[in-house]
């Protein structure tokens, strides 16, 4: 047994959107999914509600007649085999409280046993529900599941009076307790279409609120799932901008005396013959390297080593200055 470096190997999103009827769960799921992949499948248990957005989003839909956990398993596996990038389970609540959902299956099993004891019936239904959860977790495509919200209450006993009271503590999804923790992201959608991130494994959206969520949250999630690959890909497409420098201004060539030549590069410069015999040296560069092309007169007087030295150099009775004057 060996350990290896942890990486997100083709990680896929598991997202749960929870809200009351009319909060915009279906639209939000489609909006996010459209930025996660190109091919989108929708398991619509809401009697055709998803198809009402077919003019805004491109997707394929399946409208099952039964909401057994097995139906969800089959739909996910079919979407995966068909090469879809994302499947939306709208809504996952029906696998719990819908026709042929887990609760109804337990009720049927209890009636068949004629014991009235639901605990025995759960022995048959729980494995089926667990298989659905395992399929959601293990699928090789992105999954966005919507769930209806219900008002959650708790019973509290007053220690002074001994009376029991019921207190509202918030909203909870219509599904098995704790199922939401199987997802990477769990968010609530309120009546004003605000997506409020509750539980998440993605630091980039922790505690964030998105109004009419779509592209923004989808790209953050996609970047997280790919270890920053989306950001790196976008950066690689940026074309670097280079500042255009103005061309050097050419100075008109002046007339020089017998000790000078004219540089063809367009810059005024004087040239002197070096003792190395390598030829003419470009005085305007100051580097002493090979000169530009030039035109020289037939006779140019040799001067000292420094091409910029104005010191007179004696040649017999004459003194020649680099500025062309004769002494």
C-alpha atoms as a PDB file:
ATOM      1  CA  UNK A   1       0.000   0.000   0.000  1.00  0.00           C
ATOM      2  CA  UNK A   2       1.373   3.413  -0.988  1.00  0.00           C
ATOM      3  CA  UNK A   3       0.250   7.033  -0.772  1.00  0.00           C
ATOM      4  CA  UNK A   4       0.302   9.387  -3.736  1.00  0.00           C
ATOM      5  CA  UNK A   5      -0.086  13.124  -4.225  1.00  0.00           C
ATOM      6  CA  UNK A   6      -3.707  14.255  -3.953  1.00  0.00           C
ATOM      7  CA  UNK A   7      -5.091  15.818  -7.134  1.00  0.00           C
ATOM      8  CA  UNK A   8      -8.516  16.633  -8.539  1.00  0.00           C
ATOM      9  CA  UNK A   9      -8.662  13.946 -11.179  1.00  0.00           C
ATOM     10  CA  UNK A  10     -11.337  15.175 -13.570  1.00  0.00           C
ATOM     11  CA  UNK A  11     -13.425  16.338 -10.610  1.00  0.00           C
ATOM     12  CA  UNK A  12     -17.154  16.704 -11.177  1.00  0.00           C
ATOM     13  CA  UNK A  13     -19.498  19.076  -9.384  1.00  0.00           C
ATOM     14  CA  UNK A  14     -22.155  17.905  -6.941  1.00  0.00           C
ATOM     15  CA  UNK A  15     -24.457  20.852  -6.223  1.00  0.00           C
ATOM     16  CA  UNK A  16     -27.743  21.073  -4.313  1.00  0.00           C
ATOM     17  CA  UNK A  17     -30.137  24.007  -4.720  1.00  0.00           C
ATOM     18  CA  UNK A  18     -32.820  24.311  -2.051  1.00  0.00           C
ATOM     19  CA  UNK A  19     -35.817  26.623  -2.177  1.00  0.00           C
ATOM     20  CA  UNK A  20     -39.560  26.936  -1.887  1.00  0.00           C
ATOM     21  CA  UNK A  21     -41.827  26.548  -4.902  1.00  0.00           C
ATOM     22  CA  UNK A  22     -41.393  29.472  -7.286  1.00  0.00           C
ATOM     23  CA  UNK A  23     -37.978  30.528  -5.977  1.00  0.00           C
ATOM     24  CA  UNK A  24     -36.315  29.858  -9.341  1.00  0.00           C
ATOM     25  CA  UNK A  25     -34.505  26.592  -8.684  1.00  0.00           C
ATOM     26  CA  UNK A  26     -34.997  25.201 -12.193  1.00  0.00           C
ATOM     27  CA  UNK A  27     -33.925  28.386 -13.975  1.00  0.00           C
ATOM     28  CA  UNK A  28     -30.888  28.790 -11.723  1.00  0.00           C
ATOM     29  CA  UNK A  29     -29.848  25.182 -12.252  1.00  0.00           C
ATOM     30  CA  UNK A  30     -30.075  25.599 -16.038  1.00  0.00           C
ATOM     31  CA  UNK A  31     -28.196  28.897 -15.931  1.00  0.00           C
ATOM     32  CA  UNK A  32     -25.306  27.396 -13.953  1.00  0.00           C
ATOM     33  CA  UNK A  33     -25.256  24.183 -15.990  1.00  0.00           C
ATOM     34  CA  UNK A  34     -24.993  26.092 -19.280  1.00  0.00           C
ATOM     35  CA  UNK A  35     -21.592  27.411 -18.168  1.00  0.00           C
ATOM     36  CA  UNK A  36     -20.335  24.065 -16.887  1.00  0.00           C
ATOM     37  CA  UNK A  37     -20.723  22.115 -20.125  1.00  0.00           C
ATOM     38  CA  UNK A  38     -22.274  22.047 -23.569  1.00  0.00           C
ATOM     39  CA  UNK A  39     -24.502  18.966 -23.314  1.00  0.00           C
ATOM     40  CA  UNK A  40     -27.143  19.209 -20.583  1.00  0.00           C
ATOM     41  CA  UNK A  41     -29.692  16.581 -19.559  1.00  0.00           C
ATOM     42  CA  UNK A  42     -32.638  17.282 -17.257  1.00  0.00           C
ATOM     43  CA  UNK A  43     -34.624  14.730 -15.278  1.00  0.00           C
ATOM     44  CA  UNK A  44     -37.854  16.698 -14.885  1.00  0.00           C
ATOM     45  CA  UNK A  45     -40.171  15.468 -12.141  1.00  0.00           C
ATOM     46  CA  UNK A  46     -41.974  18.822 -11.981  1.00  0.00           C
ATOM     47  CA  UNK A  47     -44.467  18.090 -14.765  1.00  0.00           C
ATOM     48  CA  UNK A  48     -42.676  19.857 -17.596  1.00  0.00           C
ATOM     49  CA  UNK A  49     -41.491  22.939 -15.722  1.00  0.00           C
ATOM     50  CA  UNK A  50     -37.978  22.709 -17.209  1.00  0.00           C
ATOM     51  CA  UNK A  51     -39.260  22.756 -20.788  1.00  0.00           C
ATOM     52  CA  UNK A  52     -40.681  26.229 -20.204  1.00  0.00           C
ATOM     53  CA  UNK A  53     -37.105  27.492 -20.452  1.00  0.00           C
ATOM     54  CA  UNK A  54     -36.302  25.701 -23.709  1.00  0.00           C
ATOM     55  CA  UNK A  55     -36.199  29.044 -25.534  1.00  0.00           C
ATOM     56  CA  UNK A  56     -33.465  30.277 -23.187  1.00  0.00           C
ATOM     57  CA  UNK A  57     -31.307  27.181 -22.757  1.00  0.00           C
ATOM     58  CA  UNK A  58     -30.445  24.182 -24.898  1.00  0.00           C
ATOM     59  CA  UNK A  59     -30.956  20.844 -23.152  1.00  0.00           C
ATOM     60  CA  UNK A  60     -32.569  17.432 -23.426  1.00  0.00           C
ATOM     61  CA  UNK A  61     -35.292  16.401 -21.015  1.00  0.00           C
ATOM     62  CA  UNK A  62     -36.730  13.204 -19.553  1.00  0.00           C
ATOM     63  CA  UNK A  63     -40.085  13.265 -17.767  1.00  0.00           C
ATOM     64  CA  UNK A  64     -40.478  10.009 -15.798  1.00  0.00           C
ATOM     65  CA  UNK A  65     -43.776   8.649 -14.557  1.00  0.00           C
ATOM     66  CA  UNK A  66     -42.285   7.119 -11.439  1.00  0.00           C
ATOM     67  CA  UNK A  67     -39.935   8.743  -8.952  1.00  0.00           C
ATOM     68  CA  UNK A  68     -38.387   5.670  -7.417  1.00  0.00           C
ATOM     69  CA  UNK A  69     -34.706   6.026  -6.447  1.00  0.00           C
ATOM     70  CA  UNK A  70     -34.095   3.459  -9.192  1.00  0.00           C
ATOM     71  CA  UNK A  71     -35.442   5.947 -11.746  1.00  0.00           C
ATOM     72  CA  UNK A  72     -32.790   8.460 -10.706  1.00  0.00           C
ATOM     73  CA  UNK A  73     -30.075   5.816 -10.891  1.00  0.00           C
ATOM     74  CA  UNK A  74     -31.119   4.847 -14.415  1.00  0.00           C
ATOM     75  CA  UNK A  75     -31.325   8.488 -15.557  1.00  0.00           C
ATOM     76  CA  UNK A  76     -27.841   9.354 -14.278  1.00  0.00           C
ATOM     77  CA  UNK A  77     -26.312   6.269 -15.869  1.00  0.00           C
ATOM     78  CA  UNK A  78     -28.099   6.971 -19.163  1.00  0.00           C
ATOM     79  CA  UNK A  79     -26.856  10.582 -19.224  1.00  0.00           C
ATOM     80  CA  UNK A  80     -23.326   9.449 -18.468  1.00  0.00           C
ATOM     81  CA  UNK A  81     -23.384   6.818 -21.214  1.00  0.00           C
ATOM     82  CA  UNK A  82     -24.777   9.325 -23.733  1.00  0.00           C
ATOM     83  CA  UNK A  83     -21.899  11.740 -23.123  1.00  0.00           C
ATOM     84  CA  UNK A  84     -23.747  14.546 -21.363  1.00  0.00           C
ATOM     85  CA  UNK A  85     -21.625  17.030 -19.418  1.00  0.00           C
ATOM     86  CA  UNK A  86     -24.268  17.889 -16.812  1.00  0.00           C
ATOM     87  CA  UNK A  87     -27.471  16.334 -15.528  1.00  0.00           C
ATOM     88  CA  UNK A  88     -30.003  18.314 -13.518  1.00  0.00           C
ATOM     89  CA  UNK A  89     -32.179  16.332 -11.113  1.00  0.00           C
ATOM     90  CA  UNK A  90     -35.250  18.517 -10.823  1.00  0.00           C
ATOM     91  CA  UNK A  91     -36.330  17.651  -8.251  1.00  0.00           C
ATOM     92  CA  UNK A  92     -34.522  15.201  -5.990  1.00  0.00           C
ATOM     93  CA  UNK A  93     -37.271  15.660  -3.395  1.00  0.00           C
ATOM     94  CA  UNK A  94     -39.561  13.396  -5.401  1.00  0.00           C
ATOM     95  CA  UNK A  95     -37.183  10.479  -4.834  1.00  0.00           C
ATOM     96  CA  UNK A  96     -38.068  10.849  -1.169  1.00  0.00           C
ATOM     97  CA  UNK A  97     -41.669  12.066  -0.994  1.00  0.00           C
ATOM     98  CA  UNK A  98     -43.021  11.588  -4.525  1.00  0.00           C
ATOM     99  CA  UNK A  99     -44.799   8.792  -6.320  1.00  0.00           C
ATOM    100  CA  UNK A 100     -42.855   5.566  -5.733  1.00  0.00           C
ATOM    101  CA  UNK A 101     -40.396   7.565  -3.652  1.00  0.00           C
ATOM    102  CA  UNK A 102     -38.680   6.191  -0.559  1.00  0.00           C
ATOM    103  CA  UNK A 103     -41.474   7.115   1.861  1.00  0.00           C
ATOM    104  CA  UNK A 104     -44.143   5.535  -0.321  1.00  0.00           C
ATOM    105  CA  UNK A 105     -42.069   2.375  -0.760  1.00  0.00           C
ATOM    106  CA  UNK A 106     -41.699   2.085   3.017  1.00  0.00           C
ATOM    107  CA  UNK A 107     -45.416   2.562   3.504  1.00  0.00           C
ATOM    108  CA  UNK A 108     -46.214  -0.196   1.010  1.00  0.00           C
ATOM    109  CA  UNK A 109     -43.746  -2.575   2.629  1.00  0.00           C
ATOM    110  CA  UNK A 110     -45.289  -1.916   6.042  1.00  0.00           C
ATOM    111  CA  UNK A 111     -48.769  -2.675   4.783  1.00  0.00           C
ATOM    112  CA  UNK A 112     -47.601  -5.891   3.194  1.00  0.00           C
ATOM    113  CA  UNK A 113     -46.016  -6.985   6.438  1.00  0.00           C
ATOM    114  CA  UNK A 114     -49.215  -6.055   8.329  1.00  0.00           C
ATOM    115  CA  UNK A 115     -47.096  -5.208  11.300  1.00  0.00           C
ATOM    116  CA  UNK A 116     -47.467  -1.461  11.216  1.00  0.00           C
ATOM    117  CA  UNK A 117     -43.768  -1.262  12.008  1.00  0.00           C
ATOM    118  CA  UNK A 118     -41.873   0.933   9.551  1.00  0.00           C
ATOM    119  CA  UNK A 119     -38.461  -0.052  10.881  1.00  0.00           C
ATOM    120  CA  UNK A 120     -38.614  -3.422   9.194  1.00  0.00           C
ATOM    121  CA  UNK A 121     -39.705  -1.832   5.922  1.00  0.00           C
ATOM    122  CA  UNK A 122     -36.689   0.488   5.909  1.00  0.00           C
ATOM    123  CA  UNK A 123     -34.420  -2.547   5.683  1.00  0.00           C
ATOM    124  CA  UNK A 124     -35.568  -2.964   2.085  1.00  0.00           C
ATOM    125  CA  UNK A 125     -35.799   0.705   1.082  1.00  0.00           C
ATOM    126  CA  UNK A 126     -32.638   2.128   2.663  1.00  0.00           C
ATOM    127  CA  UNK A 127     -30.257   0.108   0.438  1.00  0.00           C
ATOM    128  CA  UNK A 128     -32.094   1.377  -2.653  1.00  0.00           C
ATOM    129  CA  UNK A 129     -31.869   4.967  -1.473  1.00  0.00           C
ATOM    130  CA  UNK A 130     -28.197   4.504  -0.603  1.00  0.00           C
ATOM    131  CA  UNK A 131     -27.569   3.145  -4.087  1.00  0.00           C
ATOM    132  CA  UNK A 132     -29.043   6.341  -5.533  1.00  0.00           C
ATOM    133  CA  UNK A 133     -26.770   8.477  -3.346  1.00  0.00           C
ATOM    134  CA  UNK A 134     -23.744   6.405  -4.358  1.00  0.00           C
ATOM    135  CA  UNK A 135     -24.640   6.892  -8.028  1.00  0.00           C
ATOM    136  CA  UNK A 136     -24.846  10.657  -7.537  1.00  0.00           C
ATOM    137  CA  UNK A 137     -21.469  10.751  -5.811  1.00  0.00           C
ATOM    138  CA  UNK A 138     -19.718   8.431  -8.246  1.00  0.00           C
ATOM    139  CA  UNK A 139     -21.057   9.746 -11.552  1.00  0.00           C
ATOM    140  CA  UNK A 140     -18.501  11.057 -14.031  1.00  0.00           C
ATOM    141  CA  UNK A 141     -20.613  14.056 -15.002  1.00  0.00           C
ATOM    142  CA  UNK A 142     -21.632  17.233 -13.172  1.00  0.00           C
ATOM    143  CA  UNK A 143     -24.825  16.884 -11.134  1.00  0.00           C
ATOM    144  CA  UNK A 144     -27.071  19.715  -9.971  1.00  0.00           C
ATOM    145  CA  UNK A 145     -29.975  18.583  -7.802  1.00  0.00           C
ATOM    146  CA  UNK A 146     -32.846  20.819  -6.783  1.00  0.00           C
ATOM    147  CA  UNK A 147     -34.791  20.150  -3.600  1.00  0.00           C
ATOM    148  CA  UNK A 148     -37.924  21.698  -2.231  1.00  0.00           C
ATOM    149  CA  UNK A 149     -37.658  23.455   1.091  1.00  0.00           C
ATOM    150  CA  UNK A 150     -39.926  22.797   4.015  1.00  0.00           C
ATOM    151  CA  UNK A 151     -40.314  24.732   7.221  1.00  0.00           C
ATOM    152  CA  UNK A 152     -38.450  22.968   9.985  1.00  0.00           C
ATOM    153  CA  UNK A 153     -39.707  22.953  13.569  1.00  0.00           C
ATOM    154  CA  UNK A 154     -38.338  21.595  16.822  1.00  0.00           C
ATOM    155  CA  UNK A 155     -40.113  20.688  20.029  1.00  0.00           C
ATOM    156  CA  UNK A 156     -38.725  22.249  23.168  1.00  0.00           C
ATOM    157  CA  UNK A 157     -39.681  21.576  26.753  1.00  0.00           C
ATOM    158  CA  UNK A 158     -39.805  24.479  29.168  1.00  0.00           C
ATOM    159  CA  UNK A 159     -37.776  23.403  32.230  1.00  0.00           C
ATOM    160  CA  UNK A 160     -39.830  25.670  34.511  1.00  0.00           C
ATOM    161  CA  UNK A 161     -43.337  24.760  33.450  1.00  0.00           C
ATOM    162  CA  UNK A 162     -42.669  21.343  31.943  1.00  0.00           C
ATOM    163  CA  UNK A 163     -44.758  22.285  28.931  1.00  0.00           C
ATOM    164  CA  UNK A 164     -43.635  21.399  25.407  1.00  0.00           C
ATOM    165  CA  UNK A 165     -43.674  24.069  22.704  1.00  0.00           C
ATOM    166  CA  UNK A 166     -42.931  24.028  18.985  1.00  0.00           C
ATOM    167  CA  UNK A 167     -40.392  26.487  17.585  1.00  0.00           C
ATOM    168  CA  UNK A 168     -39.612  27.288  13.957  1.00  0.00           C
ATOM    169  CA  UNK A 169     -35.878  26.953  13.275  1.00  0.00           C
ATOM    170  CA  UNK A 170     -35.673  27.559   9.520  1.00  0.00           C
ATOM    171  CA  UNK A 171     -35.925  25.696   6.263  1.00  0.00           C
ATOM    172  CA  UNK A 172     -34.845  22.148   5.478  1.00  0.00           C
ATOM    173  CA  UNK A 173     -34.804  20.170   2.207  1.00  0.00           C
ATOM    174  CA  UNK A 174     -37.451  17.563   1.508  1.00  0.00           C
ATOM    175  CA  UNK A 175     -35.118  14.574   1.538  1.00  0.00           C
ATOM    176  CA  UNK A 176     -33.502  12.196   3.963  1.00  0.00           C
ATOM    177  CA  UNK A 177     -31.879  13.981   6.889  1.00  0.00           C
ATOM    178  CA  UNK A 178     -28.253  14.788   6.197  1.00  0.00           C
ATOM    179  CA  UNK A 179     -28.374  14.073   2.464  1.00  0.00           C
ATOM    180  CA  UNK A 180     -27.321  17.622   1.629  1.00  0.00           C
ATOM    181  CA  UNK A 181     -23.907  16.976   3.163  1.00  0.00           C
ATOM    182  CA  UNK A 182     -23.111  14.554   0.354  1.00  0.00           C
ATOM    183  CA  UNK A 183     -22.808  17.536  -2.019  1.00  0.00           C
ATOM    184  CA  UNK A 184     -19.855  19.838  -2.725  1.00  0.00           C
ATOM    185  CA  UNK A 185     -22.071  22.910  -2.649  1.00  0.00           C
ATOM    186  CA  UNK A 186     -25.386  23.429  -0.874  1.00  0.00           C
ATOM    187  CA  UNK A 187     -27.165  26.726  -1.491  1.00  0.00           C
ATOM    188  CA  UNK A 188     -30.535  28.214  -0.610  1.00  0.00           C
ATOM    189  CA  UNK A 189     -32.524  30.262  -3.121  1.00  0.00           C
ATOM    190  CA  UNK A 190     -34.867  32.869  -1.684  1.00  0.00           C
ATOM    191  CA  UNK A 191     -37.958  34.469  -3.180  1.00  0.00           C
ATOM    192  CA  UNK A 192     -35.859  37.265  -4.741  1.00  0.00           C
ATOM    193  CA  UNK A 193     -33.666  34.805  -6.679  1.00  0.00           C
ATOM    194  CA  UNK A 194     -30.701  35.247  -4.368  1.00  0.00           C
ATOM    195  CA  UNK A 195     -28.493  32.169  -4.171  1.00  0.00           C
ATOM    196  CA  UNK A 196     -27.006  32.009  -0.673  1.00  0.00           C
ATOM    197  CA  UNK A 197     -24.121  29.570  -0.329  1.00  0.00           C
ATOM    198  CA  UNK A 198     -24.346  27.585   2.877  1.00  0.00           C
ATOM    199  CA  UNK A 199     -22.120  24.543   2.935  1.00  0.00           C
ATOM    200  CA  UNK A 200     -19.335  24.336   0.356  1.00  0.00           C
ATOM    201  CA  UNK A 201     -15.961  22.730  -0.266  1.00  0.00           C
ATOM    202  CA  UNK A 202     -15.031  25.527  -2.674  1.00  0.00           C
ATOM    203  CA  UNK A 203     -13.279  28.399  -0.834  1.00  0.00           C
ATOM    204  CA  UNK A 204     -13.925  30.811  -3.720  1.00  0.00           C
ATOM    205  CA  UNK A 205     -17.682  30.934  -3.009  1.00  0.00           C
ATOM    206  CA  UNK A 206     -17.794  30.354   0.756  1.00  0.00           C
ATOM    207  CA  UNK A 207     -20.512  32.530   2.290  1.00  0.00           C
ATOM    208  CA  UNK A 208     -21.173  34.271  -1.034  1.00  0.00           C
ATOM    209  CA  UNK A 209     -24.527  35.552  -2.262  1.00  0.00           C
ATOM    210  CA  UNK A 210     -25.339  35.627  -5.990  1.00  0.00           C
ATOM    211  CA  UNK A 211     -28.398  37.356  -7.391  1.00  0.00           C
ATOM    212  CA  UNK A 212     -29.777  35.424 -10.372  1.00  0.00           C
ATOM    213  CA  UNK A 213     -26.791  33.108 -10.211  1.00  0.00           C
ATOM    214  CA  UNK A 214     -25.280  31.793 -13.412  1.00  0.00           C
ATOM    215  CA  UNK A 215     -21.989  32.430 -15.158  1.00  0.00           C
ATOM    216  CA  UNK A 216     -20.140  33.994 -12.217  1.00  0.00           C
ATOM    217  CA  UNK A 217     -20.564  31.132  -9.766  1.00  0.00           C
ATOM    218  CA  UNK A 218     -20.229  28.520 -12.533  1.00  0.00           C
ATOM    219  CA  UNK A 219     -16.810  29.793 -13.624  1.00  0.00           C
ATOM    220  CA  UNK A 220     -15.563  29.934 -10.035  1.00  0.00           C
ATOM    221  CA  UNK A 221     -16.666  26.352  -9.499  1.00  0.00           C
ATOM    222  CA  UNK A 222     -15.198  25.216 -12.804  1.00  0.00           C
ATOM    223  CA  UNK A 223     -11.881  26.860 -11.964  1.00  0.00           C
ATOM    224  CA  UNK A 224     -11.874  25.159  -8.557  1.00  0.00           C
ATOM    225  CA  UNK A 225     -12.669  21.759 -10.056  1.00  0.00           C
ATOM    226  CA  UNK A 226      -9.765  22.059 -12.501  1.00  0.00           C
ATOM    227  CA  UNK A 227      -7.165  23.358 -10.010  1.00  0.00           C
ATOM    228  CA  UNK A 228      -7.138  26.763 -11.674  1.00  0.00           C
ATOM    229  CA  UNK A 229      -7.075  25.380 -15.200  1.00  0.00           C
ATOM    230  CA  UNK A 230      -9.781  27.754 -16.415  1.00  0.00           C
ATOM    231  CA  UNK A 231      -7.849  30.784 -15.193  1.00  0.00           C
ATOM    232  CA  UNK A 232      -4.623  29.515 -16.728  1.00  0.00           C
ATOM    233  CA  UNK A 233      -6.354  28.827 -20.039  1.00  0.00           C
ATOM    234  CA  UNK A 234      -7.816  32.336 -20.088  1.00  0.00           C
ATOM    235  CA  UNK A 235      -4.419  33.848 -19.288  1.00  0.00           C
ATOM    236  CA  UNK A 236      -2.781  31.895 -22.101  1.00  0.00           C
ATOM    237  CA  UNK A 237      -5.183  33.473 -24.582  1.00  0.00           C
ATOM    238  CA  UNK A 238      -4.206  37.031 -23.632  1.00  0.00           C
ATOM    239  CA  UNK A 239      -2.093  38.594 -26.384  1.00  0.00           C
ATOM    240  CA  UNK A 240       0.731  40.653 -24.853  1.00  0.00           C
ATOM    241  CA  UNK A 241       0.703  44.314 -25.812  1.00  0.00           C
ATOM    242  CA  UNK A 242       4.038  45.842 -26.795  1.00  0.00           C
ATOM    243  CA  UNK A 243       4.608  49.556 -26.670  1.00  0.00           C
ATOM    244  CA  UNK A 244       5.560  50.894 -30.061  1.00  0.00           C
ATOM    245  CA  UNK A 245       8.667  53.036 -29.824  1.00  0.00           C
ATOM    246  CA  UNK A 246       9.124  55.944 -32.247  1.00  0.00           C
ATOM    247  CA  UNK A 247      11.782  55.541 -34.899  1.00  0.00           C
ATOM    248  CA  UNK A 248      14.973  57.574 -34.381  1.00  0.00           C
ATOM    249  CA  UNK A 249      14.955  60.940 -36.065  1.00  0.00           C
ATOM    250  CA  UNK A 250      17.475  61.141 -38.876  1.00  0.00           C
ATOM    251  CA  UNK A 251      19.715  64.167 -38.760  1.00  0.00           C
ATOM    252  CA  UNK A 252      20.749  65.680 -42.067  1.00  0.00           C
ATOM    253  CA  UNK A 253      24.318  64.821 -42.968  1.00  0.00           C
ATOM    254  CA  UNK A 254      26.657  67.760 -42.704  1.00  0.00           C
ATOM    255  CA  UNK A 255      29.616  68.500 -44.887  1.00  0.00           C
ATOM    256  CA  UNK A 256      32.882  67.533 -43.221  1.00  0.00           C
ATOM    257  CA  UNK A 257      36.442  68.441 -43.981  1.00  0.00           C
ATOM    258  CA  UNK A 258      39.133  66.096 -45.249  1.00  0.00           C
ATOM    259  CA  UNK A 259      39.362  64.196 -41.936  1.00  0.00           C
ATOM    260  CA  UNK A 260      35.699  63.094 -41.970  1.00  0.00           C
ATOM    261  CA  UNK A 261      33.372  60.785 -43.886  1.00  0.00           C
ATOM    262  CA  UNK A 262      29.599  60.586 -44.180  1.00  0.00           C
ATOM    263  CA  UNK A 263      27.782  57.640 -42.479  1.00  0.00           C
ATOM    264  CA  UNK A 264      25.078  56.079 -44.662  1.00  0.00           C
ATOM    265  CA  UNK A 265      22.965  55.145 -41.607  1.00  0.00           C
ATOM    266  CA  UNK A 266      21.618  58.695 -41.553  1.00  0.00           C
ATOM    267  CA  UNK A 267      23.201  59.832 -38.300  1.00  0.00           C
ATOM    268  CA  UNK A 268      25.840  62.517 -38.277  1.00  0.00           C
ATOM    269  CA  UNK A 269      29.132  60.901 -37.280  1.00  0.00           C
ATOM    270  CA  UNK A 270      32.813  61.222 -37.839  1.00  0.00           C
ATOM    271  CA  UNK A 271      35.009  58.243 -38.657  1.00  0.00           C
ATOM    272  CA  UNK A 272      38.725  57.811 -38.085  1.00  0.00           C
ATOM    273  CA  UNK A 273      41.069  55.080 -39.167  1.00  0.00           C
ATOM    274  CA  UNK A 274      42.107  52.831 -36.245  1.00  0.00           C
ATOM    275  CA  UNK A 275      45.558  51.431 -35.713  1.00  0.00           C
ATOM    276  CA  UNK A 276      44.200  47.890 -35.543  1.00  0.00           C
ATOM    277  CA  UNK A 277      43.737  47.847 -39.264  1.00  0.00           C
ATOM    278  CA  UNK A 278      40.200  46.525 -38.873  1.00  0.00           C
ATOM    279  CA  UNK A 279      38.898  49.444 -40.808  1.00  0.00           C
ATOM    280  CA  UNK A 280      36.866  52.454 -39.988  1.00  0.00           C
ATOM    281  CA  UNK A 281      35.347  52.905 -36.528  1.00  0.00           C
ATOM    282  CA  UNK A 282      31.868  54.323 -36.041  1.00  0.00           C
ATOM    283  CA  UNK A 283      32.305  57.330 -33.803  1.00  0.00           C
ATOM    284  CA  UNK A 284      28.640  57.954 -33.058  1.00  0.00           C
ATOM    285  CA  UNK A 285      28.173  54.487 -31.511  1.00  0.00           C
ATOM    286  CA  UNK A 286      31.037  54.801 -29.085  1.00  0.00           C
ATOM    287  CA  UNK A 287      31.544  51.043 -29.079  1.00  0.00           C
ATOM    288  CA  UNK A 288      34.536  50.670 -31.331  1.00  0.00           C
ATOM    289  CA  UNK A 289      32.785  47.847 -33.192  1.00  0.00           C
ATOM    290  CA  UNK A 290      32.531  47.381 -36.934  1.00  0.00           C
ATOM    291  CA  UNK A 291      31.291  50.490 -38.672  1.00  0.00           C
ATOM    292  CA  UNK A 292      28.273  51.143 -40.834  1.00  0.00           C
ATOM    293  CA  UNK A 293      28.550  51.355 -44.595  1.00  0.00           C
ATOM    294  CA  UNK A 294      30.153  54.637 -45.508  1.00  0.00           C
ATOM    295  CA  UNK A 295      31.574  56.817 -48.201  1.00  0.00           C
ATOM    296  CA  UNK A 296      35.107  58.040 -47.646  1.00  0.00           C
ATOM    297  CA  UNK A 297      37.342  60.392 -49.449  1.00  0.00           C
ATOM    298  CA  UNK A 298      40.511  59.162 -51.033  1.00  0.00           C
ATOM    299  CA  UNK A 299      42.807  60.398 -48.314  1.00  0.00           C
ATOM    300  CA  UNK A 300      41.960  60.632 -44.635  1.00  0.00           C
ATOM    301  CA  UNK A 301      44.590  61.424 -42.073  1.00  0.00           C
ATOM    302  CA  UNK A 302      45.198  58.819 -39.336  1.00  0.00           C
ATOM    303  CA  UNK A 303      44.629  59.982 -35.758  1.00  0.00           C
ATOM    304  CA  UNK A 304      45.040  58.534 -32.294  1.00  0.00           C
ATOM    305  CA  UNK A 305      43.357  55.504 -30.676  1.00  0.00           C
ATOM    306  CA  UNK A 306      40.415  57.396 -29.222  1.00  0.00           C
ATOM    307  CA  UNK A 307      37.910  58.207 -31.977  1.00  0.00           C
ATOM    308  CA  UNK A 308      36.438  60.989 -29.831  1.00  0.00           C
ATOM    309  CA  UNK A 309      39.753  62.645 -28.914  1.00  0.00           C
ATOM    310  CA  UNK A 310      40.032  66.202 -30.257  1.00  0.00           C
ATOM    311  CA  UNK A 311      43.704  66.444 -29.326  1.00  0.00           C
ATOM    312  CA  UNK A 312      45.853  67.534 -32.290  1.00  0.00           C
ATOM    313  CA  UNK A 313      48.069  64.840 -33.746  1.00  0.00           C
ATOM    314  CA  UNK A 314      51.365  65.923 -35.337  1.00  0.00           C
ATOM    315  CA  UNK A 315      52.193  64.846 -38.859  1.00  0.00           C
ATOM    316  CA  UNK A 316      55.441  66.552 -39.928  1.00  0.00           C
ATOM    317  CA  UNK A 317      54.897  70.241 -39.948  1.00  0.00           C
ATOM    318  CA  UNK A 318      51.091  69.977 -40.029  1.00  0.00           C
ATOM    319  CA  UNK A 319      48.578  69.479 -37.199  1.00  0.00           C
ATOM    320  CA  UNK A 320      45.167  68.087 -38.077  1.00  0.00           C
ATOM    321  CA  UNK A 321      42.127  68.463 -35.798  1.00  0.00           C
ATOM    322  CA  UNK A 322      39.125  66.145 -35.954  1.00  0.00           C
ATOM    323  CA  UNK A 323      36.880  69.112 -36.504  1.00  0.00           C
ATOM    324  CA  UNK A 324      38.493  69.626 -39.867  1.00  0.00           C
ATOM    325  CA  UNK A 325      40.631  72.633 -38.971  1.00  0.00           C
ATOM    326  CA  UNK A 326      44.281  72.638 -39.899  1.00  0.00           C
ATOM    327  CA  UNK A 327      47.031  73.923 -37.584  1.00  0.00           C
END
